[in-house]
Amino acid sequence: MTEGPAVLTVTQLTTYIKSQFEGDENLVNVFVTGEISNFTDNYRSGHLYFSLKDGRSLIRAVMFARNASRLRFQPEDGMKVIVRGRVGVYEVSGQYQLYVADMQPEGLGAFNLAFEQLKTKLEKEGLLSTERKKAIPKFPQKIGVITSPTGAAVHDIVTVLGRRYPLAKVIFCPVQVQGELAAPQIVAALNLMNRRKCADVIIVGRGGGSLEDLWPFNEEPVARAVAASEIPVISAVGHETDFTICDFAADLRAPTPSAAAELAVPDRVELLGVVQSLRHRLVETAEKKVTDKLNRLVPLTEKRVLKSPFESIELRREHVDRLVEALNGTVAQKAESAKVKLSGISGRLNALSPLAVLSRGYAAVFDEAGKPVSMAHNVSKDEKITVRFSDGALNCTIDGKEEKTGYEQKNDV
């Protein structure tokens, strides 16, 4: 009796196919080029899921977090890449896929691509704009230096600062400038100097090296720490032809560490020259002003009033005496004229005076209130009146009165 074909479960078949893939040496370590599509990186696990395709075919791929963390650039849909990995089977769905261990952009290096991606990102945020850059102080008192304690950069910086501007104090914060620990240490040093406000300007950088050696200065945390620094930052990374993201984020870029030191402080020789020039101009200006004043003073000393000051005083006194004499004469003349005028007025007033009238035999009559009585009909019988003469007065009571109206006389007894 012939046995029938073996019946396998789905799991058994999938496991068998998987073992065939894993046993094929050609599929254990393969290099594949294609265009990224369906890219997803929003999983909490940190794994990257995507597809690789060309003009005719598509294969699904996954890059686990431990490998994805080493990427220098950010994969995107439409990006052409070269990946290295193995082909395997995902048993749950029975689908074969590419397990990616490494990824490089096709044509452009990973470092260069990462550089351009981060630069574009920070430019869109405005962190690299010239408007936000701070001015470097002209006469800083404290210079912060963030670099390696063993490299040539720190020696060059300190030497240049000591030669150009020894008045400044150097605040040195040693850090690693390459390797995985470099970027976090540079960020910590920048934050520390800003928190303690221990410098007026900061120089951050290192000497030359390969792109990989300089890469910590292209890290996003370093760029953001430089841009956020309240203290102006001068970036001096590598040689003159080297550019890093730190250079663009800093307030000023220097081609070398030595050049950064020159840009951070003024040159004392130049300052002394300026001071001497100003001193020379000050002396010349002062001498010219003194000469001008002397030229004006000499003619004044030749004037008569300065040569014989008492003579001028005597002339003024004589003039004053004449003015006083003239004033006295004018006052006497005015007084005499006023006296004559007053005498005439007094005579006329005396003629009109009631006392003068009374002295000629007339009398004046007043009622009890002291008001003058000018008409007989203004008083009544038994009313008390006062009759005033020039030598005294009589207090009288009206016993009767005689009024005269027209040509008639009326007796009131």
Protein backbone atom coordinates (compact mmCIF):
# COMPACT_ATOMS: atom_id res chain seq x y z
CA MET A 1 0.00 0.00 0.00
CA THR A 2 1.46 3.30 -1.09
CA GLU A 3 1.59 6.04 1.48
CA GLY A 4 0.00 9.37 0.47
CA PRO A 5 1.73 12.70 0.50
CA ALA A 6 2.60 14.19 3.92
CA VAL A 7 0.10 16.74 5.18
CA LEU A 8 1.80 19.73 6.81
CA THR A 9 0.39 22.39 8.99
CA VAL A 10 0.80 25.98 7.99
CA THR A 11 3.35 26.46 10.74
CA GLN A 12 5.34 23.43 9.61
CA LEU A 13 5.42 24.65 6.04
CA THR A 14 6.39 28.15 7.07
CA THR A 15 9.11 26.82 9.36
CA TYR A 16 10.49 24.69 6.57
CA ILE A 17 10.57 27.61 4.14
CA LYS A 18 12.23 29.76 6.79
CA SER A 19 14.94 27.12 7.31
CA GLN A 20 15.61 27.10 3.57
CA PHE A 21 16.11 30.86 3.57
CA GLU A 22 18.38 30.76 6.63
CA GLY A 23 20.40 27.87 5.24
CA ASP A 24 21.14 29.62 1.96
CA GLU A 25 24.50 31.38 2.28
CA ASN A 26 23.54 33.73 -0.56
CA LEU A 27 20.68 35.13 1.54
CA VAL A 28 22.50 35.45 4.87
CA ASN A 29 24.46 38.56 3.94
CA VAL A 30 23.08 40.39 0.92
CA PHE A 31 23.40 43.94 -0.43
CA VAL A 32 20.26 45.34 -2.03
CA THR A 33 19.62 48.67 -3.68
CA GLY A 34 16.20 50.21 -4.10
CA GLU A 35 13.87 53.09 -3.35
CA ILE A 36 12.27 53.44 0.09
CA SER A 37 8.48 53.46 0.25
CA ASN A 38 5.85 53.03 2.98
CA PHE A 39 8.41 54.22 5.54
CA THR A 40 7.22 54.11 9.18
CA ASP A 41 9.25 55.10 12.25
CA ASN A 42 6.59 55.99 14.80
CA TYR A 43 6.74 52.77 16.79
CA ARG A 44 7.74 53.01 20.44
CA SER A 45 10.08 50.09 19.93
CA GLY A 46 12.31 52.21 17.70
CA HIS A 47 12.12 49.68 14.84
CA LEU A 48 11.92 51.01 11.27
CA TYR A 49 9.46 49.41 8.82
CA PHE A 50 9.54 50.11 5.09
CA SER A 51 9.64 48.59 1.62
CA LEU A 52 12.33 48.59 -1.04
CA LYS A 53 11.25 48.74 -4.65
CA ASP A 54 12.57 49.16 -8.13
CA GLY A 55 10.76 49.42 -11.44
CA ARG A 56 9.27 45.89 -11.27
CA SER A 57 9.40 44.45 -7.76
CA LEU A 58 8.96 45.27 -4.06
CA ILE A 59 10.22 43.63 -0.90
CA ARG A 60 9.26 44.44 2.66
CA ALA A 61 12.03 45.29 5.13
CA VAL A 62 12.56 45.91 8.81
CA MET A 63 15.46 47.52 10.66
CA PHE A 64 15.52 46.81 14.36
CA ALA A 65 16.16 49.62 16.84
CA ARG A 66 19.67 48.50 17.77
CA ASN A 67 20.74 48.96 14.13
CA ALA A 68 18.54 52.01 13.43
CA SER A 69 20.16 53.94 16.28
CA ARG A 70 23.46 53.93 14.38
CA LEU A 71 22.05 55.73 11.34
CA ARG A 72 23.54 59.17 10.69
CA PHE A 73 20.66 60.28 8.47
CA GLN A 74 16.88 60.11 8.46
CA PRO A 75 15.42 57.67 5.90
CA GLU A 76 12.51 59.03 3.84
CA ASP A 77 10.07 57.81 1.21
CA GLY A 78 11.56 58.13 -2.25
CA MET A 79 15.16 57.97 -1.04
CA LYS A 80 17.43 55.56 -2.92
CA VAL A 81 19.55 53.50 -0.56
CA ILE A 82 21.86 50.50 -0.40
CA VAL A 83 21.10 48.15 2.47
CA ARG A 84 22.95 45.16 3.94
CA GLY A 85 21.12 42.38 5.71
CA ARG A 86 19.62 38.92 5.47
CA VAL A 87 16.49 37.52 3.89
CA GLY A 88 14.16 35.72 6.24
CA VAL A 89 10.54 34.75 6.77
CA TYR A 90 8.13 36.38 9.20
CA GLU A 91 6.28 33.28 10.39
CA VAL A 92 3.17 35.06 11.66
CA SER A 93 2.21 36.28 8.19
CA GLY A 94 4.25 33.78 6.18
CA GLN A 95 5.87 36.65 4.32
CA TYR A 96 9.50 36.80 3.39
CA GLN A 97 11.26 40.10 4.11
CA LEU A 98 14.62 41.76 4.38
CA TYR A 99 16.13 42.21 7.84
CA VAL A 100 18.37 45.28 7.44
CA ALA A 101 21.56 45.60 9.51
CA ASP A 102 23.02 48.68 7.78
CA MET A 103 21.82 51.34 5.38
CA GLN A 104 23.64 53.94 3.25
CA PRO A 105 22.21 56.52 0.88
CA GLU A 106 22.97 55.72 -2.73
CA GLY A 107 25.35 58.23 -4.31
CA LEU A 108 25.59 60.66 -1.36
CA GLY A 109 27.35 59.54 1.83
CA ALA A 110 25.40 59.09 5.04
CA PHE A 111 27.34 61.81 6.81
CA ASN A 112 26.80 64.29 4.00
CA LEU A 113 23.11 63.48 3.81
CA ALA A 114 22.68 63.78 7.56
CA PHE A 115 24.49 67.13 7.43
CA GLU A 116 22.16 68.49 4.74
CA GLN A 117 19.05 67.14 6.45
CA LEU A 118 19.86 68.73 9.79
CA LYS A 119 20.94 72.01 8.19
CA THR A 120 17.65 72.22 6.28
CA LYS A 121 15.66 71.40 9.42
CA LEU A 122 17.35 74.07 11.54
CA GLU A 123 17.07 76.64 8.74
CA LYS A 124 13.30 76.11 8.62
CA GLU A 125 13.16 76.74 12.37
CA GLY A 126 15.14 79.97 11.95
CA LEU A 127 17.98 78.86 14.23
CA LEU A 128 20.60 79.57 11.56
CA SER A 129 19.30 83.01 10.50
CA THR A 130 21.65 85.97 10.70
CA GLU A 131 18.99 88.10 12.43
CA ARG A 132 19.24 86.10 15.65
CA LYS A 133 23.04 86.18 15.88
CA LYS A 134 24.51 88.19 18.76
CA ALA A 135 27.37 90.67 18.49
CA ILE A 136 30.76 89.73 19.89
CA PRO A 137 31.76 92.17 22.71
CA LYS A 138 34.62 94.50 21.80
CA PHE A 139 36.45 94.28 25.11
CA PRO A 140 35.57 90.97 26.83
CA GLN A 141 36.94 90.39 30.30
CA LYS A 142 36.41 86.60 30.40
CA ILE A 143 36.81 84.19 27.48
CA GLY A 144 35.18 80.76 27.74
CA VAL A 145 37.00 77.97 25.88
CA ILE A 146 35.35 74.58 25.25
CA THR A 147 37.67 72.07 23.59
CA SER A 148 39.92 69.09 24.28
CA PRO A 149 42.52 69.56 27.03
CA THR A 150 45.11 67.57 25.07
CA GLY A 151 44.74 68.90 21.53
CA ALA A 152 46.66 71.67 19.83
CA ALA A 153 43.54 73.84 19.69
CA VAL A 154 43.61 74.86 23.37
CA HIS A 155 47.32 75.70 23.18
CA ASP A 156 46.79 77.84 20.07
CA ILE A 157 43.83 79.66 21.62
CA VAL A 158 45.56 80.42 24.93
CA THR A 159 48.75 81.54 23.14
CA VAL A 160 46.91 83.95 20.85
CA LEU A 161 44.77 85.35 23.69
CA GLY A 162 47.85 85.92 25.86
CA ARG A 163 49.67 87.71 23.07
CA ARG A 164 46.80 89.86 21.82
CA TYR A 165 44.88 90.70 24.98
CA PRO A 166 46.44 89.51 28.25
CA LEU A 167 43.86 91.47 30.26
CA ALA A 168 41.23 88.82 29.49
CA LYS A 169 40.79 85.84 31.79
CA VAL A 170 40.44 82.41 30.17
CA ILE A 171 37.73 80.09 31.58
CA PHE A 172 38.56 76.61 30.26
CA CYS A 173 36.06 73.74 30.21
CA PRO A 174 37.69 70.50 28.91
CA VAL A 175 35.55 68.12 26.85
CA GLN A 176 35.99 65.27 24.41
CA VAL A 177 35.79 66.50 20.82
CA GLN A 178 35.27 63.17 19.02
CA GLY A 179 33.52 59.95 19.78
CA GLU A 180 30.08 59.18 21.20
CA LEU A 181 30.61 61.15 24.43
CA ALA A 182 31.76 64.34 22.70
CA ALA A 183 28.40 65.85 21.80
CA PRO A 184 26.81 65.41 25.28
CA GLN A 185 29.91 66.89 26.95
CA ILE A 186 29.94 69.92 24.61
CA VAL A 187 26.24 70.54 25.31
CA ALA A 188 26.81 70.23 29.07
CA ALA A 189 29.74 72.67 28.93
CA LEU A 190 27.72 75.26 27.01
CA ASN A 191 24.82 74.97 29.44
CA LEU A 192 27.15 75.22 32.45
CA MET A 193 28.85 78.40 31.21
CA ASN A 194 25.48 80.02 30.47
CA ARG A 195 24.00 78.97 33.78
CA ARG A 196 26.93 80.42 35.75
CA LYS A 197 27.41 83.39 33.36
CA CYS A 198 31.14 82.89 33.68
CA ALA A 199 32.20 84.29 30.29
CA ASP A 200 31.54 87.25 27.99
CA VAL A 201 32.17 85.17 24.85
CA ILE A 202 32.65 81.44 24.29
CA ILE A 203 35.00 79.72 21.83
CA VAL A 204 33.96 76.14 21.03
CA GLY A 205 35.81 73.90 18.61
CA ARG A 206 38.75 71.66 17.86
CA GLY A 207 41.55 71.16 15.36
CA GLY A 208 41.29 69.41 12.03
CA GLY A 209 40.29 65.81 11.38
CA SER A 210 38.20 63.53 9.23
CA LEU A 211 34.48 64.05 8.73
CA GLU A 212 33.84 61.31 11.29
CA ASP A 213 36.16 63.01 13.79
CA LEU A 214 34.38 66.35 13.38
CA TRP A 215 30.92 64.79 13.47
CA PRO A 216 30.03 65.69 17.13
CA PHE A 217 29.87 69.32 15.97
CA ASN A 218 27.22 68.27 13.44
CA GLU A 219 24.98 66.73 16.10
CA GLU A 220 21.58 68.36 16.56
CA PRO A 221 21.89 68.77 20.39
CA VAL A 222 25.18 70.68 19.94
CA ALA A 223 23.66 72.95 17.28
CA ARG A 224 20.64 73.71 19.48
CA ALA A 225 22.80 74.39 22.55
CA VAL A 226 24.97 76.81 20.54
CA ALA A 227 21.92 78.60 19.12
CA ALA A 228 20.28 78.83 22.58
CA SER A 229 23.38 80.24 24.29
CA GLU A 230 22.81 83.67 25.83
CA ILE A 231 26.57 84.22 25.69
CA PRO A 232 27.87 84.89 22.15
CA VAL A 233 29.55 81.81 20.67
CA ILE A 234 32.46 81.65 18.20
CA SER A 235 32.71 78.29 16.42
CA ALA A 236 36.19 77.10 15.36
CA VAL A 237 36.02 73.54 14.12
CA GLY A 238 38.72 71.97 11.94
CA HIS A 239 40.54 73.83 9.19
CA GLU A 240 39.44 76.70 6.97
CA THR A 241 37.73 74.40 4.46
CA ASP A 242 35.78 72.46 7.10
CA PHE A 243 32.18 73.50 7.78
CA THR A 244 29.95 72.07 10.49
CA ILE A 245 26.39 72.70 11.68
CA CYS A 246 27.95 74.28 14.77
CA ASP A 247 29.52 76.92 12.49
CA PHE A 248 26.12 77.89 11.09
CA ALA A 249 24.43 77.95 14.51
CA ALA A 250 27.16 80.03 16.16
CA ASP A 251 27.14 83.81 16.28
CA LEU A 252 30.48 83.90 14.46
CA ARG A 253 32.53 81.29 12.55
CA ALA A 254 36.30 81.21 12.66
CA PRO A 255 38.28 79.14 10.15
CA THR A 256 40.66 77.84 12.86
CA PRO A 257 40.93 77.92 16.67
CA SER A 258 43.76 80.48 16.40
CA ALA A 259 41.56 82.70 14.23
CA ALA A 260 38.74 82.33 16.81
CA ALA A 261 41.03 83.72 19.50
CA GLU A 262 41.92 86.65 17.24
CA LEU A 263 38.24 87.37 16.57
CA ALA A 264 37.32 87.12 20.27
CA VAL A 265 39.62 89.88 21.57
CA PRO A 266 41.20 93.09 20.28
CA ASP A 267 44.93 93.40 19.63
CA ARG A 268 46.67 95.28 22.43
CA VAL A 269 49.30 96.60 19.99
CA GLU A 270 46.58 98.12 17.85
CA LEU A 271 44.85 99.48 20.94
CA LEU A 272 48.09 101.10 22.14
CA GLY A 273 48.51 102.65 18.69
CA VAL A 274 44.97 104.02 18.85
CA VAL A 275 45.55 105.37 22.36
CA GLN A 276 48.81 107.05 21.33
CA SER A 277 47.13 108.54 18.29
CA LEU A 278 44.29 109.87 20.43
CA ARG A 279 46.80 111.23 22.95
CA HIS A 280 48.69 113.01 20.17
CA ARG A 281 45.47 114.50 18.83
CA LEU A 282 44.43 115.55 22.34
CA VAL A 283 47.75 117.31 22.96
CA GLU A 284 47.57 119.05 19.59
CA THR A 285 43.99 120.17 20.23
CA ALA A 286 44.84 121.43 23.73
CA GLU A 287 47.89 123.35 22.48
CA LYS A 288 45.87 124.92 19.68
CA LYS A 289 43.16 126.02 22.07
CA VAL A 290 45.74 127.51 24.47
CA THR A 291 47.40 129.37 21.59
CA ASP A 292 44.05 130.70 20.40
CA LYS A 293 43.19 131.92 23.89
CA LEU A 294 46.61 133.59 24.26
CA ASN A 295 46.17 135.32 20.91
CA ARG A 296 42.90 136.73 22.16
CA LEU A 297 44.28 137.61 25.60
CA VAL A 298 47.34 139.61 24.47
CA PRO A 299 45.34 142.37 22.70
CA LEU A 300 43.12 142.63 25.74
CA THR A 301 46.08 143.25 28.02
CA GLU A 302 47.06 146.22 25.84
CA LYS A 303 43.79 148.01 26.52
CA ARG A 304 43.92 151.17 28.68
CA VAL A 305 41.47 149.81 31.21
CA LEU A 306 43.82 146.96 32.09
CA LYS A 307 46.97 149.09 32.09
CA SER A 308 45.49 151.86 34.33
CA PRO A 309 42.41 150.43 36.03
CA PHE A 310 42.29 153.17 38.77
CA GLU A 311 42.22 155.94 36.16
CA SER A 312 39.14 154.41 34.68
CA ILE A 313 37.57 154.21 38.13
CA GLU A 314 38.29 157.89 38.82
CA LEU A 315 36.73 158.86 35.51
CA ARG A 316 33.65 156.89 36.44
CA ARG A 317 33.52 158.54 39.85
CA GLU A 318 33.77 162.00 38.29
CA HIS A 319 30.95 161.11 35.95
CA VAL A 320 28.84 159.91 38.87
CA ASP A 321 29.49 163.15 40.80
CA ARG A 322 28.28 165.18 37.85
CA LEU A 323 25.20 163.07 37.55
CA VAL A 324 24.48 163.52 41.29
CA GLU A 325 24.95 167.30 41.00
CA ALA A 326 22.65 167.48 38.03
CA LEU A 327 20.12 165.30 39.83
CA ASN A 328 20.17 167.52 42.93
CA GLY A 329 19.64 170.64 40.81
CA THR A 330 16.73 169.04 39.03
CA VAL A 331 15.19 167.89 42.30
CA ALA A 332 15.51 171.39 43.89
CA GLN A 333 13.98 173.01 40.82
CA LYS A 334 11.11 170.55 40.83
CA ALA A 335 10.56 171.05 44.59
CA GLU A 336 10.43 174.87 44.26
CA SER A 337 7.97 174.68 41.41
CA ALA A 338 5.81 172.27 43.38
CA LYS A 339 5.97 174.58 46.44
CA VAL A 340 4.69 177.55 44.44
CA LYS A 341 1.95 175.45 42.92
CA LEU A 342 0.97 174.09 46.36
CA SER A 343 0.79 177.61 47.80
CA GLY A 344 -1.68 178.70 45.13
CA ILE A 345 -3.83 175.65 45.66
CA SER A 346 -3.76 176.17 49.44
CA GLY A 347 -5.01 179.74 49.02
CA ARG A 348 -7.90 178.67 46.88
CA LEU A 349 -8.77 175.87 49.27
CA ASN A 350 -8.67 178.21 52.26
CA ALA A 351 -11.09 180.58 50.55
CA LEU A 352 -13.51 177.72 50.07
CA SER A 353 -12.99 176.28 53.58
CA PRO A 354 -16.12 176.28 55.86
CA LEU A 355 -13.93 177.45 58.75
CA ALA A 356 -13.00 180.55 56.79
CA VAL A 357 -16.68 181.24 56.20
CA LEU A 358 -17.46 180.77 59.88
CA SER A 359 -14.70 183.19 60.83
CA ARG A 360 -16.51 185.89 58.88
CA GLY A 361 -19.58 185.66 61.22
CA TYR A 362 -21.49 182.79 59.75
CA ALA A 363 -22.62 179.61 61.56
CA ALA A 364 -23.36 176.03 60.53
CA VAL A 365 -26.35 174.03 61.75
CA PHE A 366 -26.34 170.20 62.32
CA ASP A 367 -29.18 167.87 63.39
CA GLU A 368 -28.95 165.30 66.17
CA ALA A 369 -27.35 162.81 63.80
CA GLY A 370 -24.61 165.29 62.99
CA LYS A 371 -25.85 165.89 59.46
CA PRO A 372 -25.78 169.46 58.12
CA VAL A 373 -29.11 171.33 58.04
CA SER A 374 -29.29 173.55 55.00
CA MET A 375 -33.05 174.40 54.94
CA ALA A 376 -35.46 175.47 57.68
CA HIS A 377 -38.07 172.97 56.65
CA ASN A 378 -35.60 170.12 57.35
CA VAL A 379 -36.09 170.56 61.16
CA SER A 380 -39.16 170.34 63.35
CA LYS A 381 -40.29 172.01 66.52
CA ASP A 382 -38.63 170.72 69.69
CA GLU A 383 -35.88 169.09 67.62
CA LYS A 384 -32.40 169.43 69.01
CA ILE A 385 -29.78 171.01 66.79
CA THR A 386 -26.20 172.15 67.08
CA VAL A 387 -25.14 175.56 65.87
CA ARG A 388 -21.38 175.68 65.19
CA PHE A 389 -19.39 178.92 65.14
CA SER A 390 -15.75 179.45 64.43
CA ASP A 391 -14.93 179.48 68.12
CA GLY A 392 -17.37 176.82 69.40
CA ALA A 393 -20.86 175.38 69.17
CA LEU A 394 -24.33 175.87 70.79
CA ASN A 395 -26.73 173.06 71.55
CA CYS A 396 -30.25 174.38 70.89
CA THR A 397 -33.85 173.21 70.87
CA ILE A 398 -36.28 174.47 68.24
CA ASP A 399 -39.06 176.46 69.89
CA GLY A 400 -40.45 177.64 66.60
CA LYS A 401 -39.45 178.17 63.02
CA GLU A 402 -40.08 180.64 60.30
CA GLU A 403 -40.29 179.30 56.76
CA LYS A 404 -40.11 181.42 53.72
CA THR A 405 -42.09 180.26 50.71
CA GLY A 406 -42.03 182.64 47.79
CA TYR A 407 -42.92 186.19 49.10
CA GLU A 408 -44.84 184.93 52.11
CA GLN A 409 -43.65 184.31 55.61
CA LYS A 410 -45.21 181.85 57.98
CA ASN A 411 -44.66 181.81 61.74
CA ASP A 412 -44.94 178.51 63.53
CA VAL A 413 -45.13 179.12 67.29
